[in-house]
């Protein structure tokens, strides 16, 4: 039985502050869950905490940024790449690290990777998560959409992500990354500085 690792950094994201806000919203940032999801906002917060500089722009369609606006009742403005999964992945890049095969995808992951999936396989990315640890290769049970217990072999990994606000191993029944493999889907390692061959 694998336990959730204590998130103490740095990981591969240089110098992220210890004990990142993993399973709850960080009150220092806006929450974009009501606009379709908060996953890219969470991933962006991790990059900033790790010392990655924003790419400021005057347009929501370019750069990667978040800024406060107004003074009496301050709000936020951000680029699409800050708060939308598809724009985040396209801005950060995948370096060709894409596959439809979950087993090979899971085997290539490292703690500190940002990951994404595209359910339709049309390169319109649907979700982003952050890998905090990798575990063992094994055969893990899951319950399919008909309620039948089945099993699947892969290397488990621990994911922190927002929208659903969880921090869990993939083989747990919390997240379902392993259940998205359909033949049309795509998995990607995002923003890794080198290529991984699948």
C-alpha atoms as a PDB file:
ATOM      1  CA  UNK A   1       0.000   0.000   0.000  1.00  0.00           C
ATOM      2  CA  UNK A   2       1.500   3.322  -1.068  1.00  0.00           C
ATOM      3  CA  UNK A   3       1.018   6.370   1.128  1.00  0.00           C
ATOM      4  CA  UNK A   4       0.723   9.909  -0.155  1.00  0.00           C
ATOM      5  CA  UNK A   5       4.180  11.456  -0.136  1.00  0.00           C
ATOM      6  CA  UNK A   6       4.714  14.624   1.860  1.00  0.00           C
ATOM      7  CA  UNK A   7       5.262  17.283  -0.752  1.00  0.00           C
ATOM      8  CA  UNK A   8       8.547  18.891   0.145  1.00  0.00           C
ATOM      9  CA  UNK A   9      10.356  20.539  -2.653  1.00  0.00           C
ATOM     10  CA  UNK A  10      12.305  21.172  -4.791  1.00  0.00           C
ATOM     11  CA  UNK A  11      11.164  18.748  -7.397  1.00  0.00           C
ATOM     12  CA  UNK A  12      12.213  19.396 -10.952  1.00  0.00           C
ATOM     13  CA  UNK A  13      10.505  22.802 -10.664  1.00  0.00           C
ATOM     14  CA  UNK A  14      13.532  24.464  -9.109  1.00  0.00           C
ATOM     15  CA  UNK A  15      12.546  25.994  -5.777  1.00  0.00           C
ATOM     16  CA  UNK A  16       8.844  25.637  -5.075  1.00  0.00           C
ATOM     17  CA  UNK A  17       8.051  26.528  -1.485  1.00  0.00           C
ATOM     18  CA  UNK A  18       7.552  23.611   0.931  1.00  0.00           C
ATOM     19  CA  UNK A  19       4.076  22.184   1.514  1.00  0.00           C
ATOM     20  CA  UNK A  20       2.369  23.446  -1.609  1.00  0.00           C
ATOM     21  CA  UNK A  21      -1.404  23.987  -1.333  1.00  0.00           C
ATOM     22  CA  UNK A  22      -2.311  20.585  -2.732  1.00  0.00           C
ATOM     23  CA  UNK A  23      -5.868  19.617  -1.911  1.00  0.00           C
ATOM     24  CA  UNK A  24      -7.494  22.981  -1.341  1.00  0.00           C
ATOM     25  CA  UNK A  25      -7.620  26.329  -3.071  1.00  0.00           C
ATOM     26  CA  UNK A  26      -4.857  28.825  -2.375  1.00  0.00           C
ATOM     27  CA  UNK A  27      -6.586  32.011  -1.158  1.00  0.00           C
ATOM     28  CA  UNK A  28      -3.806  34.141  -2.663  1.00  0.00           C
ATOM     29  CA  UNK A  29      -5.082  33.251  -6.167  1.00  0.00           C
ATOM     30  CA  UNK A  30      -8.438  33.429  -7.942  1.00  0.00           C
ATOM     31  CA  UNK A  31     -10.512  30.266  -8.397  1.00  0.00           C
ATOM     32  CA  UNK A  32     -11.485  29.491 -11.994  1.00  0.00           C
ATOM     33  CA  UNK A  33     -13.560  26.385 -11.217  1.00  0.00           C
ATOM     34  CA  UNK A  34     -16.795  28.223 -12.043  1.00  0.00           C
ATOM     35  CA  UNK A  35     -15.416  28.987 -15.509  1.00  0.00           C
ATOM     36  CA  UNK A  36     -14.959  25.346 -16.436  1.00  0.00           C
ATOM     37  CA  UNK A  37     -12.064  24.231 -14.250  1.00  0.00           C
ATOM     38  CA  UNK A  38      -9.182  25.295 -12.072  1.00  0.00           C
ATOM     39  CA  UNK A  39      -6.527  22.788 -13.166  1.00  0.00           C
ATOM     40  CA  UNK A  40      -4.414  25.096 -15.361  1.00  0.00           C
ATOM     41  CA  UNK A  41      -4.605  27.856 -12.735  1.00  0.00           C
ATOM     42  CA  UNK A  42      -3.243  25.364 -10.168  1.00  0.00           C
ATOM     43  CA  UNK A  43      -0.454  24.245 -12.533  1.00  0.00           C
ATOM     44  CA  UNK A  44       0.409  27.901 -13.187  1.00  0.00           C
ATOM     45  CA  UNK A  45       0.621  28.558  -9.440  1.00  0.00           C
ATOM     46  CA  UNK A  46       3.111  25.680  -9.106  1.00  0.00           C
ATOM     47  CA  UNK A  47       5.316  27.162 -11.831  1.00  0.00           C
ATOM     48  CA  UNK A  48       5.277  30.611 -10.219  1.00  0.00           C
ATOM     49  CA  UNK A  49       6.045  29.106  -6.794  1.00  0.00           C
ATOM     50  CA  UNK A  50       8.986  27.360  -8.468  1.00  0.00           C
ATOM     51  CA  UNK A  51      10.416  30.670  -9.651  1.00  0.00           C
ATOM     52  CA  UNK A  52       9.247  30.570 -13.261  1.00  0.00           C
ATOM     53  CA  UNK A  53       8.663  34.127 -14.507  1.00  0.00           C
ATOM     54  CA  UNK A  54       5.379  35.066 -16.118  1.00  0.00           C
ATOM     55  CA  UNK A  55       5.338  36.087 -19.783  1.00  0.00           C
ATOM     56  CA  UNK A  56       3.317  39.306 -19.620  1.00  0.00           C
ATOM     57  CA  UNK A  57       1.219  40.471 -22.543  1.00  0.00           C
ATOM     58  CA  UNK A  58      -1.586  42.932 -23.182  1.00  0.00           C
ATOM     59  CA  UNK A  59      -3.769  40.202 -24.679  1.00  0.00           C
ATOM     60  CA  UNK A  60      -5.463  37.219 -23.070  1.00  0.00           C
ATOM     61  CA  UNK A  61      -4.500  35.251 -26.191  1.00  0.00           C
ATOM     62  CA  UNK A  62      -0.757  35.619 -25.758  1.00  0.00           C
ATOM     63  CA  UNK A  63       1.817  35.149 -23.037  1.00  0.00           C
ATOM     64  CA  UNK A  64       1.289  33.363 -19.746  1.00  0.00           C
ATOM     65  CA  UNK A  65       0.293  35.700 -16.932  1.00  0.00           C
ATOM     66  CA  UNK A  66      -2.010  36.708 -14.082  1.00  0.00           C
ATOM     67  CA  UNK A  67      -2.423  40.217 -12.689  1.00  0.00           C
ATOM     68  CA  UNK A  68      -4.593  42.061 -10.206  1.00  0.00           C
ATOM     69  CA  UNK A  69      -6.846  44.737 -11.644  1.00  0.00           C
ATOM     70  CA  UNK A  70      -8.743  47.511  -9.901  1.00  0.00           C
ATOM     71  CA  UNK A  71      -8.198  49.001  -6.477  1.00  0.00           C
ATOM     72  CA  UNK A  72     -11.549  49.525  -4.706  1.00  0.00           C
ATOM     73  CA  UNK A  73     -12.757  45.978  -5.405  1.00  0.00           C
ATOM     74  CA  UNK A  74      -9.710  44.248  -6.903  1.00  0.00           C
ATOM     75  CA  UNK A  75     -10.094  41.343  -9.259  1.00  0.00           C
ATOM     76  CA  UNK A  76      -7.820  39.424 -11.588  1.00  0.00           C
ATOM     77  CA  UNK A  77      -7.132  39.230 -15.264  1.00  0.00           C
ATOM     78  CA  UNK A  78      -5.159  36.406 -16.835  1.00  0.00           C
ATOM     79  CA  UNK A  79      -4.086  34.936 -20.126  1.00  0.00           C
ATOM     80  CA  UNK A  80      -5.935  31.912 -21.456  1.00  0.00           C
ATOM     81  CA  UNK A  81      -2.708  29.932 -21.008  1.00  0.00           C
ATOM     82  CA  UNK A  82      -2.837  30.675 -17.267  1.00  0.00           C
ATOM     83  CA  UNK A  83      -6.350  29.349 -16.664  1.00  0.00           C
ATOM     84  CA  UNK A  84      -7.382  27.025 -19.532  1.00  0.00           C
ATOM     85  CA  UNK A  85      -5.942  23.524 -19.890  1.00  0.00           C
ATOM     86  CA  UNK A  86      -5.743  23.525 -23.685  1.00  0.00           C
ATOM     87  CA  UNK A  87      -4.032  26.925 -23.855  1.00  0.00           C
ATOM     88  CA  UNK A  88      -1.691  26.006 -20.962  1.00  0.00           C
ATOM     89  CA  UNK A  89      -0.519  22.827 -22.723  1.00  0.00           C
ATOM     90  CA  UNK A  90      -0.097  24.558 -26.076  1.00  0.00           C
ATOM     91  CA  UNK A  91       1.832  27.456 -24.518  1.00  0.00           C
ATOM     92  CA  UNK A  92       4.100  25.231 -22.400  1.00  0.00           C
ATOM     93  CA  UNK A  93       4.512  22.534 -25.056  1.00  0.00           C
ATOM     94  CA  UNK A  94       4.716  18.760 -24.978  1.00  0.00           C
ATOM     95  CA  UNK A  95       8.073  18.278 -26.734  1.00  0.00           C
ATOM     96  CA  UNK A  96       6.442  15.429 -28.644  1.00  0.00           C
ATOM     97  CA  UNK A  97       5.818  13.529 -25.397  1.00  0.00           C
ATOM     98  CA  UNK A  98       2.354  12.238 -26.380  1.00  0.00           C
ATOM     99  CA  UNK A  99       0.852   8.755 -26.535  1.00  0.00           C
ATOM    100  CA  UNK A 100      -2.486   6.954 -26.551  1.00  0.00           C
ATOM    101  CA  UNK A 101      -1.098   4.155 -24.373  1.00  0.00           C
ATOM    102  CA  UNK A 102      -1.498   4.656 -20.614  1.00  0.00           C
ATOM    103  CA  UNK A 103       0.983   1.911 -19.702  1.00  0.00           C
ATOM    104  CA  UNK A 104       3.833   3.518 -21.660  1.00  0.00           C
ATOM    105  CA  UNK A 105       2.777   7.011 -20.504  1.00  0.00           C
ATOM    106  CA  UNK A 106       2.846   6.031 -16.832  1.00  0.00           C
ATOM    107  CA  UNK A 107       6.266   4.361 -17.197  1.00  0.00           C
ATOM    108  CA  UNK A 108       7.871   7.610 -18.437  1.00  0.00           C
ATOM    109  CA  UNK A 109       6.654   9.921 -15.663  1.00  0.00           C
ATOM    110  CA  UNK A 110       8.851  11.553 -13.053  1.00  0.00           C
ATOM    111  CA  UNK A 111       8.001  13.522  -9.926  1.00  0.00           C
ATOM    112  CA  UNK A 112       7.691  17.158 -10.999  1.00  0.00           C
ATOM    113  CA  UNK A 113       6.080  16.442 -14.381  1.00  0.00           C
ATOM    114  CA  UNK A 114       2.979  18.289 -15.515  1.00  0.00           C
ATOM    115  CA  UNK A 115       0.660  15.956 -17.374  1.00  0.00           C
ATOM    116  CA  UNK A 116      -2.389  16.382 -19.553  1.00  0.00           C
ATOM    117  CA  UNK A 117      -5.001  14.332 -21.315  1.00  0.00           C
ATOM    118  CA  UNK A 118      -7.164  14.856 -24.358  1.00  0.00           C
ATOM    119  CA  UNK A 119     -10.190  12.556 -24.318  1.00  0.00           C
ATOM    120  CA  UNK A 120     -11.126  12.990 -27.981  1.00  0.00           C
ATOM    121  CA  UNK A 121      -7.592  12.780 -29.410  1.00  0.00           C
ATOM    122  CA  UNK A 122      -8.109  16.048 -31.291  1.00  0.00           C
ATOM    123  CA  UNK A 123      -5.221  17.854 -29.496  1.00  0.00           C
ATOM    124  CA  UNK A 124      -7.711  20.034 -27.631  1.00  0.00           C
ATOM    125  CA  UNK A 125      -6.355  19.291 -24.139  1.00  0.00           C
ATOM    126  CA  UNK A 126      -9.014  18.713 -21.482  1.00  0.00           C
ATOM    127  CA  UNK A 127      -7.135  18.553 -18.191  1.00  0.00           C
ATOM    128  CA  UNK A 128      -3.780  19.189 -16.483  1.00  0.00           C
ATOM    129  CA  UNK A 129      -2.298  17.583 -13.359  1.00  0.00           C
ATOM    130  CA  UNK A 130       0.998  17.602 -11.477  1.00  0.00           C
ATOM    131  CA  UNK A 131       2.941  14.430 -10.640  1.00  0.00           C
ATOM    132  CA  UNK A 132       4.368  14.475  -7.115  1.00  0.00           C
ATOM    133  CA  UNK A 133       5.705  10.907  -6.985  1.00  0.00           C
ATOM    134  CA  UNK A 134       5.913   7.703  -8.975  1.00  0.00           C
ATOM    135  CA  UNK A 135       5.300   4.240  -7.592  1.00  0.00           C
ATOM    136  CA  UNK A 136       5.545   0.658  -8.705  1.00  0.00           C
ATOM    137  CA  UNK A 137       4.504  -1.136 -11.846  1.00  0.00           C
ATOM    138  CA  UNK A 138       1.645  -3.460 -11.012  1.00  0.00           C
ATOM    139  CA  UNK A 139      -1.825  -4.669 -11.839  1.00  0.00           C
ATOM    140  CA  UNK A 140      -4.492  -2.517 -10.207  1.00  0.00           C
ATOM    141  CA  UNK A 141      -8.240  -3.035  -9.918  1.00  0.00           C
ATOM    142  CA  UNK A 142     -10.775  -0.482 -11.087  1.00  0.00           C
ATOM    143  CA  UNK A 143     -14.521  -0.352 -11.573  1.00  0.00           C
ATOM    144  CA  UNK A 144     -15.671   0.228 -15.152  1.00  0.00           C
ATOM    145  CA  UNK A 145     -18.673   2.320 -16.219  1.00  0.00           C
ATOM    146  CA  UNK A 146     -20.958  -0.741 -15.925  1.00  0.00           C
ATOM    147  CA  UNK A 147     -19.885  -1.287 -12.297  1.00  0.00           C
ATOM    148  CA  UNK A 148     -17.740  -4.356 -13.072  1.00  0.00           C
ATOM    149  CA  UNK A 149     -14.373  -4.770 -11.321  1.00  0.00           C
ATOM    150  CA  UNK A 150     -11.572  -5.087 -13.859  1.00  0.00           C
ATOM    151  CA  UNK A 151      -7.792  -4.753 -13.717  1.00  0.00           C
ATOM    152  CA  UNK A 152      -5.132  -2.856 -15.629  1.00  0.00           C
ATOM    153  CA  UNK A 153      -1.322  -2.922 -15.520  1.00  0.00           C
ATOM    154  CA  UNK A 154       0.702   0.309 -15.340  1.00  0.00           C
ATOM    155  CA  UNK A 155       3.153   2.258 -13.173  1.00  0.00           C
ATOM    156  CA  UNK A 156       1.185   4.145 -10.559  1.00  0.00           C
ATOM    157  CA  UNK A 157       1.875   7.800  -9.822  1.00  0.00           C
ATOM    158  CA  UNK A 158       0.581  10.413  -7.434  1.00  0.00           C
ATOM    159  CA  UNK A 159      -1.325  13.370  -8.906  1.00  0.00           C
ATOM    160  CA  UNK A 160      -2.181  16.730  -7.397  1.00  0.00           C
ATOM    161  CA  UNK A 161      -4.774  18.686  -9.293  1.00  0.00           C
ATOM    162  CA  UNK A 162      -7.542  21.177  -8.888  1.00  0.00           C
ATOM    163  CA  UNK A 163     -11.073  21.381 -10.173  1.00  0.00           C
ATOM    164  CA  UNK A 164     -11.859  18.296  -8.098  1.00  0.00           C
ATOM    165  CA  UNK A 165      -9.168  19.309  -5.562  1.00  0.00           C
ATOM    166  CA  UNK A 166      -7.461  16.045  -4.860  1.00  0.00           C
ATOM    167  CA  UNK A 167      -4.081  14.587  -4.188  1.00  0.00           C
ATOM    168  CA  UNK A 168      -4.120  10.843  -4.837  1.00  0.00           C
ATOM    169  CA  UNK A 169      -2.383   7.862  -6.365  1.00  0.00           C
ATOM    170  CA  UNK A 170      -3.744   6.895  -9.758  1.00  0.00           C
ATOM    171  CA  UNK A 171      -4.535   3.360  -8.589  1.00  0.00           C
ATOM    172  CA  UNK A 172      -6.889   4.821  -5.961  1.00  0.00           C
ATOM    173  CA  UNK A 173     -10.482   5.350  -7.032  1.00  0.00           C
ATOM    174  CA  UNK A 174     -10.192   9.118  -6.670  1.00  0.00           C
ATOM    175  CA  UNK A 175      -9.071  10.390 -10.047  1.00  0.00           C
ATOM    176  CA  UNK A 176      -9.467   8.005 -13.013  1.00  0.00           C
ATOM    177  CA  UNK A 177      -6.485   8.966 -15.188  1.00  0.00           C
ATOM    178  CA  UNK A 178      -6.038   5.270 -16.005  1.00  0.00           C
ATOM    179  CA  UNK A 179      -9.658   4.951 -17.155  1.00  0.00           C
ATOM    180  CA  UNK A 180      -9.415   7.460 -19.993  1.00  0.00           C
ATOM    181  CA  UNK A 181      -7.588   5.148 -22.386  1.00  0.00           C
ATOM    182  CA  UNK A 182      -9.990   4.605 -25.268  1.00  0.00           C
ATOM    183  CA  UNK A 183      -7.885   4.444 -28.413  1.00  0.00           C
ATOM    184  CA  UNK A 184      -8.768   8.031 -29.342  1.00  0.00           C
ATOM    185  CA  UNK A 185      -7.405   9.752 -26.268  1.00  0.00           C
ATOM    186  CA  UNK A 186      -3.974  11.319 -25.854  1.00  0.00           C
ATOM    187  CA  UNK A 187      -1.797  11.588 -22.770  1.00  0.00           C
ATOM    188  CA  UNK A 188       1.054  14.103 -22.690  1.00  0.00           C
ATOM    189  CA  UNK A 189       3.962  15.126 -20.526  1.00  0.00           C
ATOM    190  CA  UNK A 190       3.894  18.921 -20.516  1.00  0.00           C
ATOM    191  CA  UNK A 191       6.791  21.341 -20.274  1.00  0.00           C
ATOM    192  CA  UNK A 192       9.528  18.754 -19.871  1.00  0.00           C
ATOM    193  CA  UNK A 193      12.747  20.159 -21.258  1.00  0.00           C
ATOM    194  CA  UNK A 194      13.719  17.012 -23.131  1.00  0.00           C
ATOM    195  CA  UNK A 195      12.036  14.437 -25.312  1.00  0.00           C
ATOM    196  CA  UNK A 196      10.762  11.080 -24.075  1.00  0.00           C
ATOM    197  CA  UNK A 197      10.350   8.259 -26.587  1.00  0.00           C
ATOM    198  CA  UNK A 198       7.174   6.226 -26.122  1.00  0.00           C
END
